[in-house]
Amino acid sequence: KSYMDREKCSPFECGFDPKSFARIPFSLHFFLITVIFLIFDV
């Protein structure tokens, strides 16, 4: 594919931009939802 879009080329990590400051606080809901999903998936 020849389209190079900024949003498509950047990774999506836990709902925040990975190119910004790495030490900004983020919501723990992402982590909790992942753990709940793993429990009910297992």
PDB file of all heavy atoms in Angstrom:
ATOM      1  N   LYS A   1       0.859  -1.182   0.000  1.00  0.00           N
ATOM      2  CA  LYS A   1       0.000   0.000   0.000  1.00  0.00           C
ATOM      3  C   LYS A   1       0.895   1.232   0.000  1.00  0.00           C
ATOM      4  O   LYS A   1       1.863   1.304   0.733  1.00  0.00           O
ATOM      5  CB  LYS A   1      -0.911  -0.010   1.208  1.00  0.00           C
ATOM      6  CG  LYS A   1      -1.876  -1.162   1.145  1.00  0.00           C
ATOM      7  CD  LYS A   1      -2.887  -1.091   2.237  1.00  0.00           C
ATOM      8  CE  LYS A   1      -3.811  -2.274   2.058  1.00  0.00           C
ATOM      9  NZ  LYS A   1      -4.814  -2.359   3.032  1.00  0.00           N
ATOM     10  N   SER A   2       0.505   2.187  -0.761  1.00  0.00           N
ATOM     11  CA  SER A   2       1.379   3.346  -0.916  1.00  0.00           C
ATOM     12  C   SER A   2       0.953   4.522  -0.055  1.00  0.00           C
ATOM     13  O   SER A   2       1.621   5.538  -0.056  1.00  0.00           O
ATOM     14  CB  SER A   2       1.419   3.766  -2.390  1.00  0.00           C
ATOM     15  OG  SER A   2       0.138   4.136  -2.810  1.00  0.00           O
ATOM     16  N   TYR A   3      -0.172   4.412   0.673  1.00  0.00           N
ATOM     17  CA  TYR A   3      -0.526   5.578   1.464  1.00  0.00           C
ATOM     18  C   TYR A   3       0.279   5.580   2.749  1.00  0.00           C
ATOM     19  O   TYR A   3       0.317   4.612   3.445  1.00  0.00           O
ATOM     20  CB  TYR A   3      -1.981   5.620   1.910  1.00  0.00           C
ATOM     21  CG  TYR A   3      -2.955   4.711   1.313  1.00  0.00           C
ATOM     22  CD1 TYR A   3      -2.962   3.363   1.577  1.00  0.00           C
ATOM     23  CD2 TYR A   3      -3.936   5.211   0.491  1.00  0.00           C
ATOM     24  CE1 TYR A   3      -3.912   2.550   1.043  1.00  0.00           C
ATOM     25  CE2 TYR A   3      -4.889   4.397  -0.019  1.00  0.00           C
ATOM     26  CZ  TYR A   3      -4.882   3.063   0.254  1.00  0.00           C
ATOM     27  OH  TYR A   3      -5.840   2.260  -0.251  1.00  0.00           O
ATOM     28  N   MET A   4       0.854   6.696   3.028  1.00  0.00           N
ATOM     29  CA  MET A   4       1.600   6.861   4.269  1.00  0.00           C
ATOM     30  C   MET A   4       0.891   7.943   5.077  1.00  0.00           C
ATOM     31  O   MET A   4       1.101   9.133   4.855  1.00  0.00           O
ATOM     32  CB  MET A   4       3.045   7.268   3.984  1.00  0.00           C
ATOM     33  CG  MET A   4       3.841   6.194   3.262  1.00  0.00           C
ATOM     34  SD  MET A   4       3.880   4.658   4.161  1.00  0.00           S
ATOM     35  CE  MET A   4       5.284   4.929   5.175  1.00  0.00           C
ATOM     36  N   ASP A   5       0.048   7.538   5.967  1.00  0.00           N
ATOM     37  CA  ASP A   5      -0.712   8.460   6.792  1.00  0.00           C
ATOM     38  C   ASP A   5      -0.071   8.507   8.183  1.00  0.00           C
ATOM     39  O   ASP A   5       0.367   7.482   8.713  1.00  0.00           O
ATOM     40  CB  ASP A   5      -2.161   7.965   6.882  1.00  0.00           C
ATOM     41  CG  ASP A   5      -3.091   9.000   7.436  1.00  0.00           C
ATOM     42  OD1 ASP A   5      -2.678  10.156   7.563  1.00  0.00           O
ATOM     43  OD2 ASP A   5      -4.249   8.627   7.724  1.00  0.00           O
ATOM     44  N   ARG A   6      -0.010   9.667   8.785  1.00  0.00           N
ATOM     45  CA  ARG A   6       0.639   9.797  10.090  1.00  0.00           C
ATOM     46  C   ARG A   6      -0.045   8.942  11.143  1.00  0.00           C
ATOM     47  O   ARG A   6       0.601   8.285  11.949  1.00  0.00           O
ATOM     48  CB  ARG A   6       0.641  11.264  10.516  1.00  0.00           C
ATOM     49  CG  ARG A   6       1.303  11.493  11.853  1.00  0.00           C
ATOM     50  CD  ARG A   6       1.269  12.963  12.243  1.00  0.00           C
ATOM     51  NE  ARG A   6       1.835  13.169  13.541  1.00  0.00           N
ATOM     52  CZ  ARG A   6       1.145  13.103  14.682  1.00  0.00           C
ATOM     53  NH1 ARG A   6      -0.130  12.833  14.671  1.00  0.00           N
ATOM     54  NH2 ARG A   6       1.741  13.321  15.832  1.00  0.00           N
ATOM     55  N   GLU A   7      -1.368   8.930  11.147  1.00  0.00           N
ATOM     56  CA  GLU A   7      -2.097   8.164  12.148  1.00  0.00           C
ATOM     57  C   GLU A   7      -1.940   6.658  11.937  1.00  0.00           C
ATOM     58  O   GLU A   7      -1.881   5.895  12.885  1.00  0.00           O
ATOM     59  CB  GLU A   7      -3.582   8.527  12.139  1.00  0.00           C
ATOM     60  CG  GLU A   7      -3.896   9.853  12.799  1.00  0.00           C
ATOM     61  CD  GLU A   7      -3.645  11.025  11.874  1.00  0.00           C
ATOM     62  OE1 GLU A   7      -3.614  10.813  10.648  1.00  0.00           O
ATOM     63  OE2 GLU A   7      -3.451  12.140  12.376  1.00  0.00           O
ATOM     64  N   LYS A   8      -1.878   6.259  10.675  1.00  0.00           N
ATOM     65  CA  LYS A   8      -1.753   4.827  10.407  1.00  0.00           C
ATOM     66  C   LYS A   8      -0.340   4.321  10.655  1.00  0.00           C
ATOM     67  O   LYS A   8      -0.146   3.157  10.957  1.00  0.00           O
ATOM     68  CB  LYS A   8      -2.162   4.524   8.968  1.00  0.00           C
ATOM     69  CG  LYS A   8      -3.639   4.621   8.758  1.00  0.00           C
ATOM     70  CD  LYS A   8      -4.008   4.175   7.374  1.00  0.00           C
ATOM     71  CE  LYS A   8      -5.502   4.260   7.179  1.00  0.00           C
ATOM     72  NZ  LYS A   8      -5.913   3.794   5.863  1.00  0.00           N
ATOM     73  N   CYS A   9       0.640   5.186  10.532  1.00  0.00           N
ATOM     74  CA  CYS A   9       2.029   4.772  10.718  1.00  0.00           C
ATOM     75  C   CYS A   9       2.451   4.783  12.182  1.00  0.00           C
ATOM     76  O   CYS A   9       3.427   4.140  12.547  1.00  0.00           O
ATOM     77  CB  CYS A   9       2.960   5.663   9.918  1.00  0.00           C
ATOM     78  SG  CYS A   9       2.823   5.404   8.154  1.00  0.00           S
ATOM     79  N   SER A  10       1.745   5.515  13.026  1.00  0.00           N
ATOM     80  CA  SER A  10       2.137   5.579  14.432  1.00  0.00           C
ATOM     81  C   SER A  10       1.429   4.489  15.222  1.00  0.00           C
ATOM     82  O   SER A  10       0.275   4.160  14.972  1.00  0.00           O
ATOM     83  CB  SER A  10       1.801   6.952  15.005  1.00  0.00           C
ATOM     84  OG  SER A  10       0.412   7.106  15.102  1.00  0.00           O
ATOM     85  N   PRO A  11       2.111   3.888  16.193  1.00  0.00           N
ATOM     86  CA  PRO A  11       1.474   2.857  17.015  1.00  0.00           C
ATOM     87  C   PRO A  11       0.468   3.473  17.981  1.00  0.00           C
ATOM     88  O   PRO A  11       0.607   4.620  18.394  1.00  0.00           O
ATOM     89  CB  PRO A  11       2.646   2.224  17.764  1.00  0.00           C
ATOM     90  CG  PRO A  11       3.684   3.279  17.798  1.00  0.00           C
ATOM     91  CD  PRO A  11       3.511   4.090  16.543  1.00  0.00           C
ATOM     92  N   PHE A  12      -0.531   2.697  18.336  1.00  0.00           N
ATOM     93  CA  PHE A  12      -1.551   3.151  19.278  1.00  0.00           C
ATOM     94  C   PHE A  12      -1.338   2.403  20.584  1.00  0.00           C
ATOM     95  O   PHE A  12      -1.525   1.195  20.654  1.00  0.00           O
ATOM     96  CB  PHE A  12      -2.944   2.871  18.714  1.00  0.00           C
ATOM     97  CG  PHE A  12      -4.043   3.391  19.578  1.00  0.00           C
ATOM     98  CD1 PHE A  12      -4.303   4.740  19.654  1.00  0.00           C
ATOM     99  CD2 PHE A  12      -4.828   2.526  20.317  1.00  0.00           C
ATOM    100  CE1 PHE A  12      -5.320   5.226  20.452  1.00  0.00           C
ATOM    101  CE2 PHE A  12      -5.843   2.992  21.110  1.00  0.00           C
ATOM    102  CZ  PHE A  12      -6.091   4.351  21.177  1.00  0.00           C
ATOM    103  N   GLU A  13      -0.899   3.105  21.603  1.00  0.00           N
ATOM    104  CA  GLU A  13      -0.584   2.479  22.872  1.00  0.00           C
ATOM    105  C   GLU A  13      -1.448   3.070  23.977  1.00  0.00           C
ATOM    106  O   GLU A  13      -1.291   4.222  24.335  1.00  0.00           O
ATOM    107  CB  GLU A  13       0.891   2.710  23.230  1.00  0.00           C
ATOM    108  CG  GLU A  13       1.862   2.180  22.217  1.00  0.00           C
ATOM    109  CD  GLU A  13       2.132   0.709  22.383  1.00  0.00           C
ATOM    110  OE1 GLU A  13       1.917   0.208  23.495  1.00  0.00           O
ATOM    111  OE2 GLU A  13       2.538   0.087  21.405  1.00  0.00           O
ATOM    112  N   CYS A  14      -2.347   2.325  24.506  1.00  0.00           N
ATOM    113  CA  CYS A  14      -3.139   2.688  25.682  1.00  0.00           C
ATOM    114  C   CYS A  14      -3.867   4.017  25.550  1.00  0.00           C
ATOM    115  O   CYS A  14      -4.087   4.711  26.529  1.00  0.00           O
ATOM    116  CB  CYS A  14      -2.274   2.710  26.929  1.00  0.00           C
ATOM    117  SG  CYS A  14      -1.567   1.120  27.332  1.00  0.00           S
ATOM    118  N   GLY A  15      -4.192   4.424  24.356  1.00  0.00           N
ATOM    119  CA  GLY A  15      -4.997   5.609  24.179  1.00  0.00           C
ATOM    120  C   GLY A  15      -4.256   6.923  24.206  1.00  0.00           C
ATOM    121  O   GLY A  15      -4.873   7.968  24.261  1.00  0.00           O
ATOM    122  N   PHE A  16      -2.937   6.930  24.199  1.00  0.00           N
ATOM    123  CA  PHE A  16      -2.216   8.195  24.148  1.00  0.00           C
ATOM    124  C   PHE A  16      -1.140   8.142  23.071  1.00  0.00           C
ATOM    125  O   PHE A  16      -0.719   7.083  22.643  1.00  0.00           O
ATOM    126  CB  PHE A  16      -1.625   8.582  25.504  1.00  0.00           C
ATOM    127  CG  PHE A  16      -0.599   7.623  26.025  1.00  0.00           C
ATOM    128  CD1 PHE A  16       0.740   7.799  25.738  1.00  0.00           C
ATOM    129  CD2 PHE A  16      -0.975   6.559  26.815  1.00  0.00           C
ATOM    130  CE1 PHE A  16       1.679   6.916  26.218  1.00  0.00           C
ATOM    131  CE2 PHE A  16      -0.040   5.676  27.297  1.00  0.00           C
ATOM    132  CZ  PHE A  16       1.297   5.853  26.997  1.00  0.00           C
ATOM    133  N   ASP A  17      -0.703   9.299  22.659  1.00  0.00           N
ATOM    134  CA  ASP A  17       0.283   9.407  21.585  1.00  0.00           C
ATOM    135  C   ASP A  17       1.646   8.956  22.092  1.00  0.00           C
ATOM    136  O   ASP A  17       2.170   9.519  23.052  1.00  0.00           O
ATOM    137  CB  ASP A  17       0.344  10.854  21.102  1.00  0.00           C
ATOM    138  CG  ASP A  17       1.217  11.015  19.882  1.00  0.00           C
ATOM    139  OD1 ASP A  17       1.478  10.006  19.201  1.00  0.00           O
ATOM    140  OD2 ASP A  17       1.634  12.149  19.598  1.00  0.00           O
ATOM    141  N   PRO A  18       2.275   7.962  21.450  1.00  0.00           N
ATOM    142  CA  PRO A  18       3.567   7.474  21.942  1.00  0.00           C
ATOM    143  C   PRO A  18       4.722   8.437  21.675  1.00  0.00           C
ATOM    144  O   PRO A  18       5.789   8.277  22.237  1.00  0.00           O
ATOM    145  CB  PRO A  18       3.765   6.173  21.177  1.00  0.00           C
ATOM    146  CG  PRO A  18       2.956   6.313  19.964  1.00  0.00           C
ATOM    147  CD  PRO A  18       1.789   7.182  20.326  1.00  0.00           C
ATOM    148  N   LYS A  19       4.507   9.437  20.840  1.00  0.00           N
ATOM    149  CA  LYS A  19       5.584  10.376  20.538  1.00  0.00           C
ATOM    150  C   LYS A  19       5.632  11.539  21.527  1.00  0.00           C
ATOM    151  O   LYS A  19       6.516  12.373  21.461  1.00  0.00           O
ATOM    152  CB  LYS A  19       5.414  10.890  19.109  1.00  0.00           C
ATOM    153  CG  LYS A  19       5.598   9.788  18.099  1.00  0.00           C
ATOM    154  CD  LYS A  19       5.458  10.301  16.701  1.00  0.00           C
ATOM    155  CE  LYS A  19       5.820   9.186  15.750  1.00  0.00           C
ATOM    156  NZ  LYS A  19       4.755   8.659  15.008  1.00  0.00           N
ATOM    157  N   SER A  20       4.688  11.584  22.423  1.00  0.00           N
ATOM    158  CA  SER A  20       4.694  12.660  23.417  1.00  0.00           C
ATOM    159  C   SER A  20       5.543  12.225  24.624  1.00  0.00           C
ATOM    160  O   SER A  20       6.177  11.183  24.617  1.00  0.00           O
ATOM    161  CB  SER A  20       3.265  12.971  23.858  1.00  0.00           C
ATOM    162  OG  SER A  20       2.707  11.859  24.499  1.00  0.00           O
ATOM    163  N   PHE A  21       5.509  13.022  25.671  1.00  0.00           N
ATOM    164  CA  PHE A  21       6.292  12.744  26.872  1.00  0.00           C
ATOM    165  C   PHE A  21       5.884  11.396  27.463  1.00  0.00           C
ATOM    166  O   PHE A  21       4.698  11.116  27.652  1.00  0.00           O
ATOM    167  CB  PHE A  21       6.085  13.874  27.875  1.00  0.00           C
ATOM    168  CG  PHE A  21       6.961  13.775  29.079  1.00  0.00           C
ATOM    169  CD1 PHE A  21       8.343  13.842  28.957  1.00  0.00           C
ATOM    170  CD2 PHE A  21       6.397  13.613  30.327  1.00  0.00           C
ATOM    171  CE1 PHE A  21       9.138  13.748  30.076  1.00  0.00           C
ATOM    172  CE2 PHE A  21       7.197  13.517  31.443  1.00  0.00           C
ATOM    173  CZ  PHE A  21       8.573  13.590  31.319  1.00  0.00           C
ATOM    174  N   ALA A  22       6.840  10.554  27.776  1.00  0.00           N
ATOM    175  CA  ALA A  22       6.559   9.180  28.188  1.00  0.00           C
ATOM    176  C   ALA A  22       6.053   9.061  29.619  1.00  0.00           C
ATOM    177  O   ALA A  22       5.478   8.032  29.977  1.00  0.00           O
ATOM    178  CB  ALA A  22       7.811   8.328  28.024  1.00  0.00           C
ATOM    179  N   ARG A  23       6.253  10.068  30.429  1.00  0.00           N
ATOM    180  CA  ARG A  23       5.895   9.968  31.853  1.00  0.00           C
ATOM    181  C   ARG A  23       4.563  10.614  32.198  1.00  0.00           C
ATOM    182  O   ARG A  23       4.290  10.835  33.364  1.00  0.00           O
ATOM    183  CB  ARG A  23       6.989  10.591  32.705  1.00  0.00           C
ATOM    184  CG  ARG A  23       8.328   9.957  32.541  1.00  0.00           C
ATOM    185  CD  ARG A  23       8.347   8.592  33.158  1.00  0.00           C
ATOM    186  NE  ARG A  23       9.681   8.027  33.040  1.00  0.00           N
ATOM    187  CZ  ARG A  23       9.907   6.751  32.955  1.00  0.00           C
ATOM    188  NH1 ARG A  23       8.919   5.911  32.957  1.00  0.00           N
ATOM    189  NH2 ARG A  23      11.129   6.312  32.858  1.00  0.00           N
ATOM    190  N   ILE A  24       3.739  10.900  31.222  1.00  0.00           N
ATOM    191  CA  ILE A  24       2.443  11.490  31.548  1.00  0.00           C
ATOM    192  C   ILE A  24       1.535  10.418  32.145  1.00  0.00           C
ATOM    193  O   ILE A  24       1.601   9.244  31.760  1.00  0.00           O
ATOM    194  CB  ILE A  24       1.776  12.139  30.316  1.00  0.00           C
ATOM    195  CG1 ILE A  24       1.550  11.115  29.212  1.00  0.00           C
ATOM    196  CG2 ILE A  24       2.584  13.301  29.818  1.00  0.00           C
ATOM    197  CD1 ILE A  24       0.731  11.652  28.056  1.00  0.00           C
ATOM    198  N   PRO A  25       0.710  10.774  33.109  1.00  0.00           N
ATOM    199  CA  PRO A  25      -0.184   9.776  33.694  1.00  0.00           C
ATOM    200  C   PRO A  25      -1.298   9.411  32.714  1.00  0.00           C
ATOM    201  O   PRO A  25      -1.763  10.242  31.945  1.00  0.00           O
ATOM    202  CB  PRO A  25      -0.751  10.479  34.931  1.00  0.00           C
ATOM    203  CG  PRO A  25      -0.621  11.919  34.628  1.00  0.00           C
ATOM    204  CD  PRO A  25       0.585  12.077  33.739  1.00  0.00           C
ATOM    205  N   PHE A  26      -1.685   8.159  32.746  1.00  0.00           N
ATOM    206  CA  PHE A  26      -2.806   7.725  31.926  1.00  0.00           C
ATOM    207  C   PHE A  26      -3.763   6.938  32.792  1.00  0.00           C
ATOM    208  O   PHE A  26      -3.413   6.483  33.877  1.00  0.00           O
ATOM    209  CB  PHE A  26      -2.347   6.915  30.713  1.00  0.00           C
ATOM    210  CG  PHE A  26      -1.690   5.615  31.056  1.00  0.00           C
ATOM    211  CD1 PHE A  26      -2.420   4.440  31.069  1.00  0.00           C
ATOM    212  CD2 PHE A  26      -0.344   5.563  31.363  1.00  0.00           C
ATOM    213  CE1 PHE A  26      -1.819   3.248  31.384  1.00  0.00           C
ATOM    214  CE2 PHE A  26       0.262   4.380  31.688  1.00  0.00           C
ATOM    215  CZ  PHE A  26      -0.473   3.210  31.695  1.00  0.00           C
ATOM    216  N   SER A  27      -4.944   6.762  32.310  1.00  0.00           N
ATOM    217  CA  SER A  27      -5.993   6.116  33.078  1.00  0.00           C
ATOM    218  C   SER A  27      -5.706   4.632  33.254  1.00  0.00           C
ATOM    219  O   SER A  27      -5.318   3.937  32.313  1.00  0.00           O
ATOM    220  CB  SER A  27      -7.330   6.302  32.350  1.00  0.00           C
ATOM    221  OG  SER A  27      -8.330   5.599  33.028  1.00  0.00           O
ATOM    222  N   LEU A  28      -5.901   4.152  34.454  1.00  0.00           N
ATOM    223  CA  LEU A  28      -5.696   2.727  34.717  1.00  0.00           C
ATOM    224  C   LEU A  28      -6.839   1.875  34.211  1.00  0.00           C
ATOM    225  O   LEU A  28      -6.768   0.660  34.275  1.00  0.00           O
ATOM    226  CB  LEU A  28      -5.514   2.501  36.216  1.00  0.00           C
ATOM    227  CG  LEU A  28      -4.180   2.968  36.778  1.00  0.00           C
ATOM    228  CD1 LEU A  28      -4.141   2.731  38.277  1.00  0.00           C
ATOM    229  CD2 LEU A  28      -3.029   2.284  36.101  1.00  0.00           C
ATOM    230  N   HIS A  29      -7.878   2.499  33.679  1.00  0.00           N
ATOM    231  CA  HIS A  29      -8.998   1.729  33.142  1.00  0.00           C
ATOM    232  C   HIS A  29      -8.559   0.852  31.980  1.00  0.00           C
ATOM    233  O   HIS A  29      -9.085  -0.233  31.791  1.00  0.00           O
ATOM    234  CB  HIS A  29     -10.136   2.646  32.712  1.00  0.00           C
ATOM    235  CG  HIS A  29     -10.885   3.227  33.855  1.00  0.00           C
ATOM    236  ND1 HIS A  29     -11.712   2.474  34.646  1.00  0.00           N
ATOM    237  CD2 HIS A  29     -10.915   4.476  34.351  1.00  0.00           C
ATOM    238  CE1 HIS A  29     -12.227   3.242  35.575  1.00  0.00           C
ATOM    239  NE2 HIS A  29     -11.767   4.461  35.422  1.00  0.00           N
ATOM    240  N   PHE A  30      -7.599   1.310  31.201  1.00  0.00           N
ATOM    241  CA  PHE A  30      -7.098   0.485  30.105  1.00  0.00           C
ATOM    242  C   PHE A  30      -6.516  -0.812  30.659  1.00  0.00           C
ATOM    243  O   PHE A  30      -6.762  -1.895  30.143  1.00  0.00           O
ATOM    244  CB  PHE A  30      -6.035   1.228  29.298  1.00  0.00           C
ATOM    245  CG  PHE A  30      -6.574   2.386  28.528  1.00  0.00           C
ATOM    246  CD1 PHE A  30      -6.331   3.673  28.943  1.00  0.00           C
ATOM    247  CD2 PHE A  30      -7.322   2.177  27.382  1.00  0.00           C
ATOM    248  CE1 PHE A  30      -6.820   4.747  28.234  1.00  0.00           C
ATOM    249  CE2 PHE A  30      -7.828   3.243  26.666  1.00  0.00           C
ATOM    250  CZ  PHE A  30      -7.576   4.531  27.095  1.00  0.00           C
ATOM    251  N   PHE A  31      -5.730  -0.685  31.715  1.00  0.00           N
ATOM    252  CA  PHE A  31      -5.132  -1.862  32.334  1.00  0.00           C
ATOM    253  C   PHE A  31      -6.195  -2.759  32.957  1.00  0.00           C
ATOM    254  O   PHE A  31      -6.167  -3.981  32.794  1.00  0.00           O
ATOM    255  CB  PHE A  31      -4.121  -1.421  33.396  1.00  0.00           C
ATOM    256  CG  PHE A  31      -3.530  -2.553  34.163  1.00  0.00           C
ATOM    257  CD1 PHE A  31      -2.611  -3.403  33.573  1.00  0.00           C
ATOM    258  CD2 PHE A  31      -3.897  -2.782  35.478  1.00  0.00           C
ATOM    259  CE1 PHE A  31      -2.065  -4.453  34.286  1.00  0.00           C
ATOM    260  CE2 PHE A  31      -3.362  -3.821  36.198  1.00  0.00           C
ATOM    261  CZ  PHE A  31      -2.438  -4.658  35.597  1.00  0.00           C
ATOM    262  N   LEU A  32      -7.148  -2.173  33.666  1.00  0.00           N
ATOM    263  CA  LEU A  32      -8.182  -2.968  34.325  1.00  0.00           C
ATOM    264  C   LEU A  32      -9.068  -3.694  33.322  1.00  0.00           C
ATOM    265  O   LEU A  32      -9.412  -4.871  33.519  1.00  0.00           O
ATOM    266  CB  LEU A  32      -9.031  -2.073  35.221  1.00  0.00           C
ATOM    267  CG  LEU A  32      -8.315  -1.504  36.438  1.00  0.00           C
ATOM    268  CD1 LEU A  32      -9.231  -0.552  37.182  1.00  0.00           C
ATOM    269  CD2 LEU A  32      -7.853  -2.611  37.344  1.00  0.00           C
ATOM    270  N   ILE A  33      -9.426  -3.029  32.244  1.00  0.00           N
ATOM    271  CA  ILE A  33     -10.248  -3.677  31.221  1.00  0.00           C
ATOM    272  C   ILE A  33      -9.480  -4.828  30.591  1.00  0.00           C
ATOM    273  O   ILE A  33     -10.048  -5.893  30.305  1.00  0.00           O
ATOM    274  CB  ILE A  33     -10.700  -2.655  30.156  1.00  0.00           C
ATOM    275  CG1 ILE A  33     -11.620  -1.611  30.780  1.00  0.00           C
ATOM    276  CG2 ILE A  33     -11.365  -3.320  28.983  1.00  0.00           C
ATOM    277  CD1 ILE A  33     -12.910  -2.167  31.350  1.00  0.00           C
ATOM    278  N   THR A  34      -8.182  -4.667  30.393  1.00  0.00           N
ATOM    279  CA  THR A  34      -7.367  -5.749  29.838  1.00  0.00           C
ATOM    280  C   THR A  34      -7.321  -6.936  30.783  1.00  0.00           C
ATOM    281  O   THR A  34      -7.457  -8.092  30.354  1.00  0.00           O
ATOM    282  CB  THR A  34      -5.940  -5.241  29.568  1.00  0.00           C
ATOM    283  OG1 THR A  34      -6.013  -4.116  28.709  1.00  0.00           O
ATOM    284  CG2 THR A  34      -5.091  -6.314  28.947  1.00  0.00           C
ATOM    285  N   VAL A  35      -7.147  -6.694  32.054  1.00  0.00           N
ATOM    286  CA  VAL A  35      -7.103  -7.785  33.025  1.00  0.00           C
ATOM    287  C   VAL A  35      -8.458  -8.491  33.097  1.00  0.00           C
ATOM    288  O   VAL A  35      -8.526  -9.731  33.126  1.00  0.00           O
ATOM    289  CB  VAL A  35      -6.668  -7.253  34.409  1.00  0.00           C
ATOM    290  CG1 VAL A  35      -6.872  -8.293  35.486  1.00  0.00           C
ATOM    291  CG2 VAL A  35      -5.226  -6.809  34.365  1.00  0.00           C
ATOM    292  N   ILE A  36      -9.539  -7.736  33.099  1.00  0.00           N
ATOM    293  CA  ILE A  36     -10.876  -8.343  33.117  1.00  0.00           C
ATOM    294  C   ILE A  36     -11.091  -9.177  31.862  1.00  0.00           C
ATOM    295  O   ILE A  36     -11.619 -10.291  31.926  1.00  0.00           O
ATOM    296  CB  ILE A  36     -11.950  -7.244  33.272  1.00  0.00           C
ATOM    297  CG1 ILE A  36     -11.874  -6.628  34.659  1.00  0.00           C
ATOM    298  CG2 ILE A  36     -13.342  -7.819  33.018  1.00  0.00           C
ATOM    299  CD1 ILE A  36     -12.709  -5.383  34.823  1.00  0.00           C
ATOM    300  N   PHE A  37     -10.668  -8.654  30.709  1.00  0.00           N
ATOM    301  CA  PHE A  37     -10.794  -9.421  29.476  1.00  0.00           C
ATOM    302  C   PHE A  37     -10.012 -10.725  29.557  1.00  0.00           C
ATOM    303  O   PHE A  37     -10.499 -11.782  29.152  1.00  0.00           O
ATOM    304  CB  PHE A  37     -10.311  -8.595  28.279  1.00  0.00           C
ATOM    305  CG  PHE A  37     -10.210  -9.385  27.019  1.00  0.00           C
ATOM    306  CD1 PHE A  37     -11.351  -9.733  26.323  1.00  0.00           C
ATOM    307  CD2 PHE A  37      -8.980  -9.801  26.541  1.00  0.00           C
ATOM    308  CE1 PHE A  37     -11.275 -10.477  25.168  1.00  0.00           C
ATOM    309  CE2 PHE A  37      -8.883 -10.533  25.390  1.00  0.00           C
ATOM    310  CZ  PHE A  37     -10.036 -10.876  24.698  1.00  0.00           C
ATOM    311  N   LEU A  38      -8.789 -10.669  30.071  1.00  0.00           N
ATOM    312  CA  LEU A  38      -7.985 -11.880  30.171  1.00  0.00           C
ATOM    313  C   LEU A  38      -8.615 -12.902  31.110  1.00  0.00           C
ATOM    314  O   LEU A  38      -8.612 -14.104  30.823  1.00  0.00           O
ATOM    315  CB  LEU A  38      -6.567 -11.537  30.636  1.00  0.00           C
ATOM    316  CG  LEU A  38      -5.685 -10.873  29.604  1.00  0.00           C
ATOM    317  CD1 LEU A  38      -4.355 -10.490  30.221  1.00  0.00           C
ATOM    318  CD2 LEU A  38      -5.480 -11.782  28.412  1.00  0.00           C
ATOM    319  N   ILE A  39      -9.167 -12.433  32.212  1.00  0.00           N
ATOM    320  CA  ILE A  39      -9.801 -13.360  33.157  1.00  0.00           C
ATOM    321  C   ILE A  39     -10.972 -14.077  32.495  1.00  0.00           C
ATOM    322  O   ILE A  39     -11.092 -15.295  32.556  1.00  0.00           O
ATOM    323  CB  ILE A  39     -10.267 -12.609  34.422  1.00  0.00           C
ATOM    324  CG1 ILE A  39      -9.056 -12.189  35.245  1.00  0.00           C
ATOM    325  CG2 ILE A  39     -11.210 -13.471  35.251  1.00  0.00           C
ATOM    326  CD1 ILE A  39      -9.391 -11.251  36.373  1.00  0.00           C
ATOM    327  N   PHE A  40     -11.831 -13.326  31.817  1.00  0.00           N
ATOM    328  CA  PHE A  40     -13.007 -13.944  31.219  1.00  0.00           C
ATOM    329  C   PHE A  40     -12.695 -14.605  29.884  1.00  0.00           C
ATOM    330  O   PHE A  40     -13.502 -15.372  29.374  1.00  0.00           O
ATOM    331  CB  PHE A  40     -14.138 -12.929  31.091  1.00  0.00           C
ATOM    332  CG  PHE A  40     -14.749 -12.609  32.421  1.00  0.00           C
ATOM    333  CD1 PHE A  40     -14.448 -11.426  33.059  1.00  0.00           C
ATOM    334  CD2 PHE A  40     -15.586 -13.508  33.034  1.00  0.00           C
ATOM    335  CE1 PHE A  40     -14.992 -11.134  34.293  1.00  0.00           C
ATOM    336  CE2 PHE A  40     -16.133 -13.228  34.270  1.00  0.00           C
ATOM    337  CZ  PHE A  40     -15.833 -12.040  34.906  1.00  0.00           C
ATOM    338  N   ASP A  41     -11.527 -14.333  29.319  1.00  0.00           N
ATOM    339  CA  ASP A  41     -11.120 -15.033  28.110  1.00  0.00           C
ATOM    340  C   ASP A  41     -10.493 -16.377  28.458  1.00  0.00           C
ATOM    341  O   ASP A  41     -10.703 -17.367  27.763  1.00  0.00           O
ATOM    342  CB  ASP A  41     -10.131 -14.168  27.323  1.00  0.00           C
ATOM    343  CG  ASP A  41      -9.891 -14.704  25.935  1.00  0.00           C
ATOM    344  OD1 ASP A  41     -10.887 -15.103  25.291  1.00  0.00           O
ATOM    345  OD2 ASP A  41      -8.734 -14.733  25.499  1.00  0.00           O
ATOM    346  N   VAL A  42      -9.749 -16.420  29.540  1.00  0.00           N
ATOM    347  CA  VAL A  42      -9.127 -17.672  29.965  1.00  0.00           C
ATOM    348  C   VAL A  42     -10.183 -18.670  30.415  1.00  0.00           C
ATOM    349  O   VAL A  42     -10.023 -19.884  30.250  1.00  0.00           O
ATOM    350  CB  VAL A  42      -8.088 -17.390  31.077  1.00  0.00           C
ATOM    351  CG1 VAL A  42      -7.626 -18.649  31.754  1.00  0.00           C
ATOM    352  CG2 VAL A  42      -6.902 -16.655  30.480  1.00  0.00           C
TER     353      VAL A  42
END
